[in-house]
């Protein structure tokens, strides 16, 4: 494998045990591991401390999560170990929080804007 982009499409691997946890720029008590990115999309492990909440925001692109540990509330729905969720572009995320703490896999478009919002722009 080469890191030379001119070599054409490539496979990339990462061992999440070797990737450091980075504090979220958007929410206290939230950490991420950047596992990889390609073709305008990113994959992260996300860890919420008990009581952590992510700011409300509009999805400018699709978002996919898969809960690995703990539980998280996403737009009023409780997701536990083994649950998956998909948010389509244009959806408003409200009340994304974990009372117990959780760990989940997140995949999203790199163009996603995480600006806090209180309502959809068209409302």
Protein backbone atom coordinates (compact mmCIF):
# COMPACT_ATOMS: atom_id res chain seq x y z
CA UNK A 1 0.00 0.00 0.00
CA UNK A 2 1.18 3.52 -0.75
CA UNK A 3 0.17 6.94 0.54
CA UNK A 4 0.68 8.45 -2.91
CA UNK A 5 -2.78 9.66 -4.12
CA UNK A 6 -1.59 9.46 -7.73
CA UNK A 7 -1.38 5.67 -7.31
CA UNK A 8 -5.18 5.47 -7.67
CA UNK A 9 -7.81 4.09 -5.30
CA UNK A 10 -6.40 2.47 -2.17
CA UNK A 11 -7.33 0.46 0.88
CA UNK A 12 -6.49 1.94 4.28
CA UNK A 13 -6.61 0.29 7.70
CA UNK A 14 -6.36 1.51 11.25
CA UNK A 15 -6.20 -0.20 14.62
CA UNK A 16 -8.49 1.80 16.90
CA UNK A 17 -6.27 0.81 19.84
CA UNK A 18 -3.50 2.93 18.30
CA UNK A 19 -5.68 5.96 17.53
CA UNK A 20 -5.80 8.60 20.30
CA UNK A 21 -9.02 9.93 21.81
CA UNK A 22 -9.51 13.61 20.94
CA UNK A 23 -11.90 15.89 22.87
CA UNK A 24 -14.82 17.07 20.75
CA UNK A 25 -14.72 20.71 19.67
CA UNK A 26 -18.50 20.84 19.98
CA UNK A 27 -19.47 19.17 23.26
CA UNK A 28 -18.01 18.71 26.73
CA UNK A 29 -17.67 15.08 27.78
CA UNK A 30 -17.48 13.80 24.19
CA UNK A 31 -14.33 12.28 22.64
CA UNK A 32 -13.67 10.93 19.16
CA UNK A 33 -11.19 8.61 17.45
CA UNK A 34 -10.74 9.45 13.76
CA UNK A 35 -10.57 6.02 12.12
CA UNK A 36 -10.43 7.06 8.49
CA UNK A 37 -11.83 9.09 5.66
CA UNK A 38 -12.34 8.62 1.94
CA UNK A 39 -14.45 10.04 -0.87
CA UNK A 40 -15.86 12.85 1.29
CA UNK A 41 -16.93 10.61 4.18
CA UNK A 42 -15.46 9.97 7.62
CA UNK A 43 -15.63 7.18 10.20
CA UNK A 44 -15.17 7.80 13.93
CA UNK A 45 -15.55 6.06 17.24
CA UNK A 46 -17.40 8.42 19.55
CA UNK A 47 -17.44 8.16 23.35
CA UNK A 48 -19.91 10.08 25.53
CA UNK A 49 -19.26 10.44 29.25
CA UNK A 50 -22.35 9.97 31.45
CA UNK A 51 -24.58 13.04 31.07
CA UNK A 52 -22.92 14.34 27.88
CA UNK A 53 -25.10 16.09 25.29
CA UNK A 54 -24.29 17.06 21.69
CA UNK A 55 -25.62 20.43 20.47
CA UNK A 56 -28.73 20.43 18.29
CA UNK A 57 -27.82 20.72 14.61
CA UNK A 58 -29.10 20.30 11.08
CA UNK A 59 -27.72 17.38 9.06
CA UNK A 60 -26.37 18.76 5.81
CA UNK A 61 -25.51 15.20 4.78
CA UNK A 62 -26.44 11.70 5.93
CA UNK A 63 -25.23 10.36 9.28
CA UNK A 64 -25.05 6.73 10.41
CA UNK A 65 -24.46 5.44 13.95
CA UNK A 66 -24.10 1.98 15.45
CA UNK A 67 -24.14 1.70 19.26
CA UNK A 68 -21.36 -0.51 20.64
CA UNK A 69 -21.74 0.12 24.38
CA UNK A 70 -24.14 1.92 26.71
CA UNK A 71 -27.16 3.85 25.54
CA UNK A 72 -27.89 7.12 23.80
CA UNK A 73 -31.09 9.09 23.18
CA UNK A 74 -31.39 10.37 19.61
CA UNK A 75 -34.37 12.63 18.84
CA UNK A 76 -36.36 11.04 21.65
CA UNK A 77 -35.54 7.42 20.78
CA UNK A 78 -33.40 5.33 23.12
CA UNK A 79 -30.70 3.34 21.29
CA UNK A 80 -28.82 0.60 23.14
CA UNK A 81 -26.04 -1.88 22.29
CA UNK A 82 -26.60 -3.26 18.80
CA UNK A 83 -28.97 -0.50 17.65
CA UNK A 84 -28.29 1.45 14.47
CA UNK A 85 -29.64 4.82 13.37
CA UNK A 86 -29.64 6.76 10.13
CA UNK A 87 -30.31 10.49 9.73
CA UNK A 88 -30.95 11.71 6.21
CA UNK A 89 -29.68 15.05 4.94
CA UNK A 90 -32.04 17.82 6.00
CA UNK A 91 -33.03 16.28 9.34
CA UNK A 92 -32.71 18.27 12.55
CA UNK A 93 -30.95 16.50 15.39
CA UNK A 94 -32.25 17.42 18.83
CA UNK A 95 -31.44 16.04 22.26
CA UNK A 96 -28.60 13.68 21.32
CA UNK A 97 -27.44 12.67 24.79
CA UNK A 98 -26.33 9.80 26.97
CA UNK A 99 -27.29 9.53 30.62
CA UNK A 100 -25.19 6.37 31.17
CA UNK A 101 -22.32 7.08 28.78
CA UNK A 102 -21.90 5.27 25.48
CA UNK A 103 -19.59 4.28 22.65
CA UNK A 104 -20.74 4.25 19.02
CA UNK A 105 -19.42 4.08 15.49
CA UNK A 106 -20.27 7.19 13.45
CA UNK A 107 -20.07 7.68 9.70
CA UNK A 108 -20.87 11.03 8.11
CA UNK A 109 -20.14 13.34 5.18
CA UNK A 110 -17.11 15.55 5.74
CA UNK A 111 -19.22 18.46 4.48
CA UNK A 112 -21.44 18.12 7.59
CA UNK A 113 -21.80 21.41 9.45
CA UNK A 114 -22.10 21.05 13.22
CA UNK A 115 -23.37 24.54 13.93
CA UNK A 116 -25.87 24.58 16.77
CA UNK A 117 -29.33 25.47 15.59
CA UNK A 118 -32.69 26.04 17.22
CA UNK A 119 -34.88 25.45 14.18
CA UNK A 120 -34.69 24.42 10.56
CA UNK A 121 -33.80 27.26 8.19
CA UNK A 122 -37.10 26.81 6.34
CA UNK A 123 -39.23 27.23 9.50
